[in-house]
Amino acid sequence: MAQSVTMIKRPGFFPRWPVLATLAVLALALVGPGPSEASADPGSRPLKIRLRGATLATAPTAVTVADLDRLPQTELTTFDPYLQRQIRYRGVLLRDLAASFGSPGVQRIMLKAIDAYQVEFVRNEWETSDFLLATRLDGDLMGLQQSGPAKIVRRYDPAASKERNFAPKWIWLVNRIEFLTE
C-alpha cells in the first residue's frame, strides 16, 4: 500500500534543493571584485547589495556590509518569528539608510531578495517604526547560510494581541534596494 506524504508549508521556508540551487547560482551575482574584511570567510569576496532608483548623486551603485557599517548602527534584541527564538540583531535603520543614500523626494523603498521575494516600505513606515536592515545576528556577520548579507527585522512580540503583524515585512537575502519617488 502506497503512503501519502503531506508537506507542511511555513511562511519563508521552502523545499531545500531548489532554494540551495538557486542560492548557489545567484550568490555568484552577489560576489564583489575583491577580498574584504566584511566577508564571512577571510578568503572570500564581500557580498554586495545593489542600490537603484532615486539615489543621491554621491550614493554608490552597490554597498557591502563594511559600507553599511559606516552608517549609524542600531542594536535590537527581539523574537524572530521565523527562527522561533530571541536574537540580537545589529544594522542600520531604514530611515538612516534613506537619509544616507536616497534622494530627498523618496517616498517608497523596495527591497528585493535573491529568491525574488520583495517588500515595499512607504515613508511613513520607516519614519515611525524601527525597521532595521540587519547585517549581524548575535554579533556575527550574516553570510548566505544565515540569510544574509542583510535582512529586515523589527521588534516583534508574539504575545502582543494588538500589535500589527509586521512579520511579512521581514525579508532576508537582500541583494537590491530601490529608492522610489512615486
N, C-alpha and C. Protein backbone atom coordinates (compact mmCIF):
# COMPACT_ATOMS: atom_id res chain seq x y z
N MET A 1 0.84 -1.18 0.00
CA MET A 1 0.00 0.00 0.00
C MET A 1 0.89 1.25 0.00
N ALA A 2 0.64 2.16 -0.92
CA ALA A 2 1.44 3.38 -1.02
C ALA A 2 1.03 4.35 0.07
N GLN A 3 2.03 5.03 0.62
CA GLN A 3 1.75 6.02 1.65
C GLN A 3 1.79 7.41 1.03
N SER A 4 0.94 8.26 1.54
CA SER A 4 0.89 9.64 1.08
C SER A 4 1.70 10.50 2.05
N VAL A 5 2.48 11.41 1.50
CA VAL A 5 3.28 12.32 2.32
C VAL A 5 2.70 13.71 2.16
N THR A 6 2.42 14.35 3.26
CA THR A 6 1.90 15.72 3.25
C THR A 6 3.00 16.64 3.72
N MET A 7 3.29 17.66 2.92
CA MET A 7 4.31 18.64 3.29
C MET A 7 3.62 19.84 3.92
N ILE A 8 4.05 20.22 5.09
CA ILE A 8 3.51 21.39 5.77
C ILE A 8 4.32 22.59 5.33
N LYS A 9 3.65 23.60 4.82
CA LYS A 9 4.35 24.81 4.38
C LYS A 9 4.33 25.85 5.47
N ARG A 10 5.49 26.42 5.75
CA ARG A 10 5.60 27.52 6.71
C ARG A 10 6.07 28.73 5.93
N PRO A 11 5.56 29.92 6.24
CA PRO A 11 5.99 31.11 5.54
C PRO A 11 7.51 31.26 5.63
N GLY A 12 8.14 31.48 4.49
CA GLY A 12 9.57 31.72 4.47
C GLY A 12 10.40 30.46 4.39
N PHE A 13 9.79 29.28 4.42
CA PHE A 13 10.53 28.03 4.34
C PHE A 13 10.11 27.28 3.09
N PHE A 14 11.06 26.73 2.36
CA PHE A 14 10.82 26.07 1.10
C PHE A 14 11.55 24.74 1.08
N PRO A 15 11.20 23.85 0.13
CA PRO A 15 12.00 22.64 -0.03
C PRO A 15 13.45 23.03 -0.27
N ARG A 16 14.38 22.29 0.29
CA ARG A 16 15.78 22.69 0.29
C ARG A 16 16.46 22.71 -1.07
N TRP A 17 16.35 21.68 -1.87
CA TRP A 17 17.19 21.61 -3.07
C TRP A 17 16.94 22.73 -4.06
N PRO A 18 15.67 23.16 -4.36
CA PRO A 18 15.53 24.27 -5.31
C PRO A 18 16.10 25.57 -4.75
N VAL A 19 15.91 25.79 -3.47
CA VAL A 19 16.42 27.01 -2.85
C VAL A 19 17.95 27.01 -2.86
N LEU A 20 18.55 25.89 -2.48
CA LEU A 20 20.01 25.82 -2.46
C LEU A 20 20.59 25.97 -3.85
N ALA A 21 19.97 25.36 -4.86
CA ALA A 21 20.46 25.51 -6.23
C ALA A 21 20.35 26.95 -6.69
N THR A 22 19.21 27.59 -6.38
CA THR A 22 19.02 28.99 -6.74
C THR A 22 20.02 29.88 -6.02
N LEU A 23 20.22 29.64 -4.73
CA LEU A 23 21.18 30.43 -3.97
C LEU A 23 22.59 30.28 -4.53
N ALA A 24 22.96 29.08 -4.89
CA ALA A 24 24.30 28.85 -5.41
C ALA A 24 24.53 29.65 -6.69
N VAL A 25 23.53 29.64 -7.59
CA VAL A 25 23.66 30.37 -8.84
C VAL A 25 23.63 31.87 -8.60
N LEU A 26 22.66 32.32 -7.82
CA LEU A 26 22.50 33.76 -7.59
C LEU A 26 23.58 34.35 -6.69
N ALA A 27 24.16 33.54 -5.84
CA ALA A 27 25.24 34.04 -4.98
C ALA A 27 26.41 34.53 -5.80
N LEU A 28 26.63 33.91 -6.94
CA LEU A 28 27.72 34.35 -7.80
C LEU A 28 27.52 35.78 -8.26
N ALA A 29 26.25 36.19 -8.43
CA ALA A 29 25.96 37.56 -8.85
C ALA A 29 26.20 38.56 -7.73
N LEU A 30 26.19 38.09 -6.48
CA LEU A 30 26.39 38.99 -5.34
C LEU A 30 27.86 39.23 -5.02
N VAL A 31 28.74 38.40 -5.53
CA VAL A 31 30.15 38.46 -5.14
C VAL A 31 30.81 39.68 -5.76
N GLY A 32 31.52 40.40 -4.95
CA GLY A 32 32.19 41.62 -5.39
C GLY A 32 33.55 41.36 -6.01
N PRO A 33 34.30 42.42 -6.36
CA PRO A 33 35.53 42.28 -7.10
C PRO A 33 36.77 41.89 -6.29
N GLY A 34 36.76 41.94 -4.99
CA GLY A 34 37.99 41.63 -4.27
C GLY A 34 37.75 41.30 -2.83
N PRO A 35 38.79 40.85 -2.11
CA PRO A 35 38.61 40.48 -0.72
C PRO A 35 38.29 41.68 0.16
N SER A 36 37.63 41.41 1.28
CA SER A 36 37.26 42.47 2.20
C SER A 36 37.07 41.90 3.58
N GLU A 37 37.26 42.75 4.59
CA GLU A 37 37.02 42.29 5.95
C GLU A 37 35.55 42.07 6.23
N ALA A 38 34.66 42.51 5.32
CA ALA A 38 33.23 42.30 5.51
C ALA A 38 32.79 40.91 5.10
N SER A 39 33.68 40.12 4.57
CA SER A 39 33.33 38.76 4.18
C SER A 39 33.26 37.88 5.41
N ALA A 40 32.34 36.93 5.39
CA ALA A 40 32.23 35.98 6.49
C ALA A 40 33.44 35.05 6.51
N ASP A 41 34.02 34.79 5.36
CA ASP A 41 35.21 33.94 5.23
C ASP A 41 36.35 34.83 4.77
N PRO A 42 37.50 34.85 5.48
CA PRO A 42 38.59 35.75 5.12
C PRO A 42 39.07 35.59 3.68
N GLY A 43 38.91 34.41 3.07
CA GLY A 43 39.37 34.20 1.71
C GLY A 43 38.32 34.49 0.66
N SER A 44 37.11 34.84 1.08
CA SER A 44 36.04 35.08 0.11
C SER A 44 35.91 36.55 -0.21
N ARG A 45 35.02 36.85 -1.14
CA ARG A 45 34.76 38.23 -1.52
C ARG A 45 33.51 38.74 -0.82
N PRO A 46 33.38 40.06 -0.67
CA PRO A 46 32.20 40.60 0.03
C PRO A 46 30.94 40.47 -0.82
N LEU A 47 29.82 40.29 -0.14
CA LEU A 47 28.53 40.28 -0.80
C LEU A 47 28.09 41.73 -0.98
N LYS A 48 27.57 42.04 -2.16
CA LYS A 48 27.16 43.41 -2.44
C LYS A 48 25.65 43.50 -2.59
N ILE A 49 25.12 44.63 -2.14
CA ILE A 49 23.72 44.95 -2.30
C ILE A 49 23.64 46.12 -3.28
N ARG A 50 22.91 45.92 -4.37
CA ARG A 50 22.79 46.98 -5.38
C ARG A 50 21.81 48.05 -4.93
N LEU A 51 22.14 49.30 -5.20
CA LEU A 51 21.26 50.44 -4.91
C LEU A 51 20.78 51.00 -6.24
N ARG A 52 19.46 51.19 -6.36
CA ARG A 52 18.88 51.67 -7.61
C ARG A 52 17.85 52.75 -7.32
N GLY A 53 17.42 53.42 -8.40
CA GLY A 53 16.34 54.38 -8.30
C GLY A 53 16.81 55.78 -7.95
N ALA A 54 16.01 56.47 -7.15
CA ALA A 54 16.25 57.87 -6.80
C ALA A 54 17.26 57.97 -5.66
N THR A 55 18.53 57.80 -6.03
CA THR A 55 19.60 57.89 -5.04
C THR A 55 20.27 59.26 -5.13
N LEU A 56 20.99 59.61 -4.09
CA LEU A 56 21.78 60.83 -4.11
C LEU A 56 22.86 60.70 -5.18
N ALA A 57 23.30 61.81 -5.72
CA ALA A 57 24.36 61.80 -6.75
C ALA A 57 25.64 61.17 -6.20
N THR A 58 25.85 61.28 -4.89
CA THR A 58 27.07 60.75 -4.27
C THR A 58 26.93 59.30 -3.81
N ALA A 59 25.74 58.73 -3.96
CA ALA A 59 25.50 57.36 -3.50
C ALA A 59 26.17 56.36 -4.43
N PRO A 60 26.73 55.29 -3.88
CA PRO A 60 27.32 54.25 -4.72
C PRO A 60 26.22 53.44 -5.41
N THR A 61 26.60 52.64 -6.39
CA THR A 61 25.62 51.78 -7.07
C THR A 61 25.47 50.44 -6.35
N ALA A 62 26.40 50.15 -5.45
CA ALA A 62 26.33 48.92 -4.65
C ALA A 62 27.06 49.16 -3.34
N VAL A 63 26.62 48.46 -2.29
CA VAL A 63 27.26 48.59 -0.99
C VAL A 63 27.57 47.20 -0.43
N THR A 64 28.61 47.15 0.39
CA THR A 64 28.95 45.94 1.11
C THR A 64 28.54 46.13 2.57
N VAL A 65 28.67 45.09 3.35
CA VAL A 65 28.39 45.21 4.78
C VAL A 65 29.33 46.24 5.41
N ALA A 66 30.57 46.28 4.97
CA ALA A 66 31.52 47.27 5.50
C ALA A 66 31.02 48.70 5.23
N ASP A 67 30.43 48.92 4.05
CA ASP A 67 29.86 50.24 3.74
C ASP A 67 28.69 50.55 4.67
N LEU A 68 27.84 49.56 4.90
CA LEU A 68 26.69 49.77 5.80
C LEU A 68 27.15 49.99 7.24
N ASP A 69 28.26 49.36 7.62
CA ASP A 69 28.81 49.55 8.97
C ASP A 69 29.26 50.98 9.23
N ARG A 70 29.52 51.75 8.18
CA ARG A 70 29.93 53.14 8.36
C ARG A 70 28.74 54.07 8.63
N LEU A 71 27.53 53.55 8.47
CA LEU A 71 26.32 54.33 8.76
C LEU A 71 25.99 54.16 10.25
N PRO A 72 25.12 55.03 10.80
CA PRO A 72 24.73 54.87 12.22
C PRO A 72 24.19 53.47 12.47
N GLN A 73 24.68 52.83 13.52
CA GLN A 73 24.31 51.45 13.83
C GLN A 73 23.31 51.40 14.99
N THR A 74 22.40 50.45 14.91
CA THR A 74 21.40 50.22 15.95
C THR A 74 21.40 48.75 16.29
N GLU A 75 21.27 48.44 17.56
CA GLU A 75 21.17 47.05 18.00
C GLU A 75 19.76 46.81 18.52
N LEU A 76 19.21 45.65 18.17
CA LEU A 76 17.84 45.31 18.52
C LEU A 76 17.79 43.84 18.92
N THR A 77 17.29 43.57 20.11
CA THR A 77 17.07 42.19 20.54
C THR A 77 15.57 41.94 20.50
N THR A 78 15.18 40.93 19.73
CA THR A 78 13.76 40.66 19.54
C THR A 78 13.53 39.18 19.26
N PHE A 79 12.28 38.79 19.35
CA PHE A 79 11.89 37.44 18.98
C PHE A 79 11.79 37.37 17.46
N ASP A 80 12.46 36.41 16.86
CA ASP A 80 12.39 36.20 15.42
C ASP A 80 11.30 35.18 15.15
N PRO A 81 10.20 35.59 14.47
CA PRO A 81 9.08 34.68 14.26
C PRO A 81 9.41 33.52 13.31
N TYR A 82 10.46 33.64 12.54
CA TYR A 82 10.84 32.58 11.61
C TYR A 82 11.84 31.61 12.22
N LEU A 83 12.76 32.12 13.03
CA LEU A 83 13.73 31.25 13.70
C LEU A 83 13.21 30.77 15.05
N GLN A 84 12.12 31.39 15.51
CA GLN A 84 11.44 30.99 16.75
C GLN A 84 12.33 31.10 17.99
N ARG A 85 13.09 32.21 18.08
CA ARG A 85 13.92 32.43 19.27
C ARG A 85 14.29 33.91 19.35
N GLN A 86 14.76 34.32 20.54
CA GLN A 86 15.27 35.68 20.74
C GLN A 86 16.61 35.81 20.03
N ILE A 87 16.80 36.91 19.32
CA ILE A 87 18.05 37.15 18.58
C ILE A 87 18.44 38.60 18.76
N ARG A 88 19.74 38.83 18.85
CA ARG A 88 20.30 40.19 18.91
C ARG A 88 20.79 40.54 17.50
N TYR A 89 20.11 41.52 16.89
CA TYR A 89 20.47 41.99 15.55
C TYR A 89 21.17 43.33 15.64
N ARG A 90 22.03 43.62 14.67
CA ARG A 90 22.67 44.93 14.56
C ARG A 90 22.71 45.32 13.09
N GLY A 91 22.46 46.60 12.84
CA GLY A 91 22.49 47.10 11.47
C GLY A 91 22.09 48.56 11.43
N VAL A 92 21.57 48.96 10.28
CA VAL A 92 21.21 50.36 10.06
C VAL A 92 19.69 50.46 9.91
N LEU A 93 19.09 51.45 10.56
CA LEU A 93 17.65 51.68 10.44
C LEU A 93 17.33 52.13 9.01
N LEU A 94 16.15 51.73 8.51
CA LEU A 94 15.77 52.14 7.15
C LEU A 94 15.76 53.65 6.99
N ARG A 95 15.36 54.38 8.05
CA ARG A 95 15.33 55.85 7.94
C ARG A 95 16.73 56.41 7.75
N ASP A 96 17.75 55.79 8.39
CA ASP A 96 19.13 56.24 8.22
C ASP A 96 19.67 55.85 6.84
N LEU A 97 19.25 54.69 6.35
CA LEU A 97 19.64 54.24 5.01
C LEU A 97 19.08 55.21 3.97
N ALA A 98 17.80 55.57 4.12
CA ALA A 98 17.16 56.50 3.18
C ALA A 98 17.84 57.86 3.23
N ALA A 99 18.18 58.33 4.41
CA ALA A 99 18.85 59.63 4.54
C ALA A 99 20.26 59.60 3.95
N SER A 100 20.92 58.47 4.02
CA SER A 100 22.30 58.37 3.53
C SER A 100 22.40 58.17 2.03
N PHE A 101 21.45 57.45 1.43
CA PHE A 101 21.57 57.09 0.02
C PHE A 101 20.42 57.56 -0.85
N GLY A 102 19.23 57.77 -0.28
CA GLY A 102 18.06 58.15 -1.08
C GLY A 102 17.97 59.64 -1.30
N SER A 103 17.40 60.03 -2.43
CA SER A 103 17.21 61.46 -2.70
C SER A 103 16.11 61.98 -1.77
N PRO A 104 16.04 63.31 -1.56
CA PRO A 104 15.06 63.87 -0.62
C PRO A 104 13.61 63.54 -0.96
N GLY A 105 13.28 63.29 -2.21
CA GLY A 105 11.90 63.02 -2.61
C GLY A 105 11.48 61.56 -2.51
N VAL A 106 12.30 60.71 -1.94
CA VAL A 106 11.97 59.29 -1.87
C VAL A 106 10.73 59.08 -1.01
N GLN A 107 9.75 58.35 -1.56
CA GLN A 107 8.50 58.06 -0.85
C GLN A 107 8.35 56.59 -0.51
N ARG A 108 9.07 55.72 -1.24
CA ARG A 108 8.98 54.28 -1.01
C ARG A 108 10.37 53.66 -1.15
N ILE A 109 10.57 52.58 -0.44
CA ILE A 109 11.80 51.78 -0.58
C ILE A 109 11.36 50.35 -0.85
N MET A 110 11.87 49.79 -1.94
CA MET A 110 11.58 48.41 -2.32
C MET A 110 12.85 47.60 -2.09
N LEU A 111 12.73 46.55 -1.26
CA LEU A 111 13.85 45.64 -1.03
C LEU A 111 13.55 44.35 -1.76
N LYS A 112 14.57 43.83 -2.44
CA LYS A 112 14.41 42.59 -3.19
C LYS A 112 15.45 41.59 -2.72
N ALA A 113 15.02 40.32 -2.70
CA ALA A 113 15.89 39.23 -2.26
C ALA A 113 16.29 38.37 -3.45
N ILE A 114 17.35 37.59 -3.26
CA ILE A 114 17.82 36.77 -4.38
C ILE A 114 16.83 35.67 -4.77
N ASP A 115 15.85 35.39 -3.91
CA ASP A 115 14.83 34.39 -4.25
C ASP A 115 13.58 35.04 -4.86
N ALA A 116 13.69 36.31 -5.27
CA ALA A 116 12.64 37.09 -5.94
C ALA A 116 11.57 37.62 -4.98
N TYR A 117 11.67 37.36 -3.69
CA TYR A 117 10.73 37.95 -2.73
C TYR A 117 11.03 39.44 -2.65
N GLN A 118 10.01 40.25 -2.52
CA GLN A 118 10.23 41.69 -2.39
C GLN A 118 9.24 42.28 -1.40
N VAL A 119 9.70 43.35 -0.76
CA VAL A 119 8.89 44.03 0.25
C VAL A 119 9.03 45.52 0.01
N GLU A 120 7.92 46.22 0.11
CA GLU A 120 7.92 47.67 -0.08
C GLU A 120 7.59 48.36 1.24
N PHE A 121 8.30 49.44 1.50
CA PHE A 121 8.06 50.28 2.67
C PHE A 121 7.72 51.68 2.18
N VAL A 122 6.68 52.27 2.75
CA VAL A 122 6.36 53.66 2.44
C VAL A 122 7.02 54.55 3.49
N ARG A 123 7.21 55.79 3.14
CA ARG A 123 7.94 56.73 4.00
C ARG A 123 7.42 56.72 5.44
N ASN A 124 6.11 56.74 5.61
CA ASN A 124 5.53 56.77 6.95
C ASN A 124 5.99 55.56 7.79
N GLU A 125 6.14 54.40 7.16
CA GLU A 125 6.57 53.20 7.89
C GLU A 125 8.00 53.35 8.42
N TRP A 126 8.93 53.79 7.57
CA TRP A 126 10.31 53.88 8.04
C TRP A 126 10.55 55.09 8.93
N GLU A 127 9.68 56.10 8.84
CA GLU A 127 9.84 57.25 9.72
C GLU A 127 9.26 57.01 11.11
N THR A 128 8.25 56.14 11.22
CA THR A 128 7.58 55.95 12.51
C THR A 128 7.88 54.61 13.18
N SER A 129 8.49 53.68 12.47
CA SER A 129 8.83 52.37 13.04
C SER A 129 10.31 52.07 12.84
N ASP A 130 10.86 51.31 13.76
CA ASP A 130 12.28 50.97 13.68
C ASP A 130 12.50 49.70 12.87
N PHE A 131 12.42 49.82 11.54
CA PHE A 131 12.78 48.70 10.67
C PHE A 131 14.29 48.72 10.50
N LEU A 132 14.92 47.60 10.80
CA LEU A 132 16.37 47.50 10.82
C LEU A 132 16.86 46.65 9.66
N LEU A 133 17.78 47.19 8.85
CA LEU A 133 18.48 46.40 7.85
C LEU A 133 19.66 45.78 8.60
N ALA A 134 19.45 44.58 9.09
CA ALA A 134 20.43 43.92 9.96
C ALA A 134 21.52 43.25 9.13
N THR A 135 22.75 43.39 9.59
CA THR A 135 23.90 42.74 8.96
C THR A 135 24.59 41.78 9.93
N ARG A 136 24.17 41.82 11.20
CA ARG A 136 24.75 40.94 12.21
C ARG A 136 23.66 40.26 13.00
N LEU A 137 23.90 38.98 13.31
CA LEU A 137 22.98 38.16 14.07
C LEU A 137 23.76 37.62 15.26
N ASP A 138 23.35 37.99 16.46
CA ASP A 138 24.06 37.62 17.70
C ASP A 138 25.54 37.95 17.62
N GLY A 139 25.87 39.10 17.01
CA GLY A 139 27.24 39.59 16.95
C GLY A 139 28.05 39.14 15.75
N ASP A 140 27.56 38.18 14.98
CA ASP A 140 28.30 37.65 13.84
C ASP A 140 27.73 38.16 12.53
N LEU A 141 28.61 38.36 11.53
CA LEU A 141 28.16 38.71 10.19
C LEU A 141 27.23 37.64 9.66
N MET A 142 26.27 38.04 8.86
CA MET A 142 25.34 37.09 8.26
C MET A 142 25.78 36.79 6.83
N GLY A 143 26.26 35.58 6.61
CA GLY A 143 26.53 35.12 5.26
C GLY A 143 25.25 34.57 4.66
N LEU A 144 25.35 33.97 3.49
CA LEU A 144 24.17 33.40 2.85
C LEU A 144 23.53 32.31 3.69
N GLN A 145 24.32 31.54 4.41
CA GLN A 145 23.76 30.47 5.25
C GLN A 145 22.92 31.02 6.40
N GLN A 146 23.16 32.27 6.80
CA GLN A 146 22.39 32.90 7.87
C GLN A 146 21.38 33.90 7.29
N SER A 147 21.06 33.73 6.01
CA SER A 147 20.09 34.57 5.30
C SER A 147 20.58 35.99 5.08
N GLY A 148 21.90 36.18 5.00
CA GLY A 148 22.49 37.48 4.76
C GLY A 148 22.72 37.70 3.28
N PRO A 149 23.35 38.77 2.91
CA PRO A 149 24.19 39.62 3.73
C PRO A 149 23.42 40.57 4.64
N ALA A 150 22.12 40.73 4.36
CA ALA A 150 21.32 41.63 5.19
C ALA A 150 19.87 41.16 5.17
N LYS A 151 19.17 41.51 6.24
CA LYS A 151 17.75 41.20 6.32
C LYS A 151 17.04 42.29 7.10
N ILE A 152 15.77 42.49 6.79
CA ILE A 152 14.96 43.47 7.51
C ILE A 152 14.29 42.77 8.69
N VAL A 153 14.43 43.38 9.86
CA VAL A 153 13.77 42.88 11.07
C VAL A 153 13.13 44.06 11.80
N ARG A 154 12.25 43.73 12.71
CA ARG A 154 11.57 44.75 13.53
C ARG A 154 11.25 44.11 14.87
N ARG A 155 11.16 44.93 15.90
CA ARG A 155 10.78 44.41 17.21
C ARG A 155 9.47 43.64 17.06
N TYR A 156 9.43 42.44 17.63
CA TYR A 156 8.28 41.57 17.46
C TYR A 156 7.97 40.89 18.78
N ASP A 157 6.71 40.97 19.19
CA ASP A 157 6.26 40.31 20.42
C ASP A 157 5.09 39.42 20.07
N PRO A 158 5.30 38.09 20.02
CA PRO A 158 4.22 37.19 19.63
C PRO A 158 3.04 37.20 20.60
N ALA A 159 3.24 37.66 21.82
CA ALA A 159 2.17 37.67 22.82
C ALA A 159 1.30 38.93 22.74
N ALA A 160 1.76 39.94 22.03
CA ALA A 160 1.01 41.20 21.95
C ALA A 160 -0.14 41.05 20.97
N SER A 161 -1.34 40.96 21.48
CA SER A 161 -2.51 40.71 20.64
C SER A 161 -2.89 41.91 19.77
N LYS A 162 -2.57 43.12 20.21
CA LYS A 162 -2.95 44.30 19.45
C LYS A 162 -1.83 44.80 18.53
N GLU A 163 -0.67 44.16 18.58
CA GLU A 163 0.45 44.59 17.75
C GLU A 163 0.19 44.24 16.28
N ARG A 164 0.40 45.20 15.42
CA ARG A 164 0.25 44.94 13.99
C ARG A 164 1.29 43.91 13.58
N ASN A 165 0.89 42.95 12.79
CA ASN A 165 1.80 41.88 12.38
C ASN A 165 2.69 42.36 11.23
N PHE A 166 3.95 42.63 11.56
CA PHE A 166 4.91 43.07 10.55
C PHE A 166 5.75 41.91 10.03
N ALA A 167 5.47 40.68 10.44
CA ALA A 167 6.28 39.54 10.01
C ALA A 167 6.41 39.44 8.49
N PRO A 168 5.35 39.70 7.70
CA PRO A 168 5.54 39.64 6.24
C PRO A 168 6.51 40.68 5.69
N LYS A 169 6.79 41.72 6.47
CA LYS A 169 7.75 42.74 6.04
C LYS A 169 9.20 42.29 6.25
N TRP A 170 9.39 41.20 7.01
CA TRP A 170 10.74 40.69 7.20
C TRP A 170 11.19 40.08 5.88
N ILE A 171 12.36 40.47 5.42
CA ILE A 171 12.91 39.95 4.17
C ILE A 171 14.38 39.66 4.41
N TRP A 172 14.85 38.55 3.90
CA TRP A 172 16.25 38.19 4.07
C TRP A 172 16.86 37.92 2.70
N LEU A 173 18.17 37.69 2.68
CA LEU A 173 18.91 37.51 1.43
C LEU A 173 18.76 38.74 0.53
N VAL A 174 18.74 39.93 1.14
CA VAL A 174 18.55 41.18 0.40
C VAL A 174 19.74 41.40 -0.53
N ASN A 175 19.45 41.62 -1.82
CA ASN A 175 20.52 41.90 -2.76
C ASN A 175 20.26 43.16 -3.59
N ARG A 176 19.11 43.80 -3.35
CA ARG A 176 18.81 45.02 -4.11
C ARG A 176 17.89 45.92 -3.30
N ILE A 177 18.19 47.20 -3.31
CA ILE A 177 17.36 48.22 -2.65
C ILE A 177 17.06 49.30 -3.66
N GLU A 178 15.77 49.57 -3.87
CA GLU A 178 15.35 50.62 -4.80
C GLU A 178 14.68 51.75 -4.04
N PHE A 179 15.13 52.96 -4.32
CA PHE A 179 14.54 54.16 -3.73
C PHE A 179 13.60 54.76 -4.77
N LEU A 180 12.31 54.88 -4.42
CA LEU A 180 11.30 55.30 -5.40
C LEU A 180 10.63 56.59 -4.96
N THR A 181 10.33 57.47 -5.94
CA THR A 181 9.73 58.76 -5.64
C THR A 181 8.23 58.77 -5.85
N GLU A 182 7.67 57.78 -6.49
CA GLU A 182 6.22 57.76 -6.75
C GLU A 182 5.51 56.84 -5.79
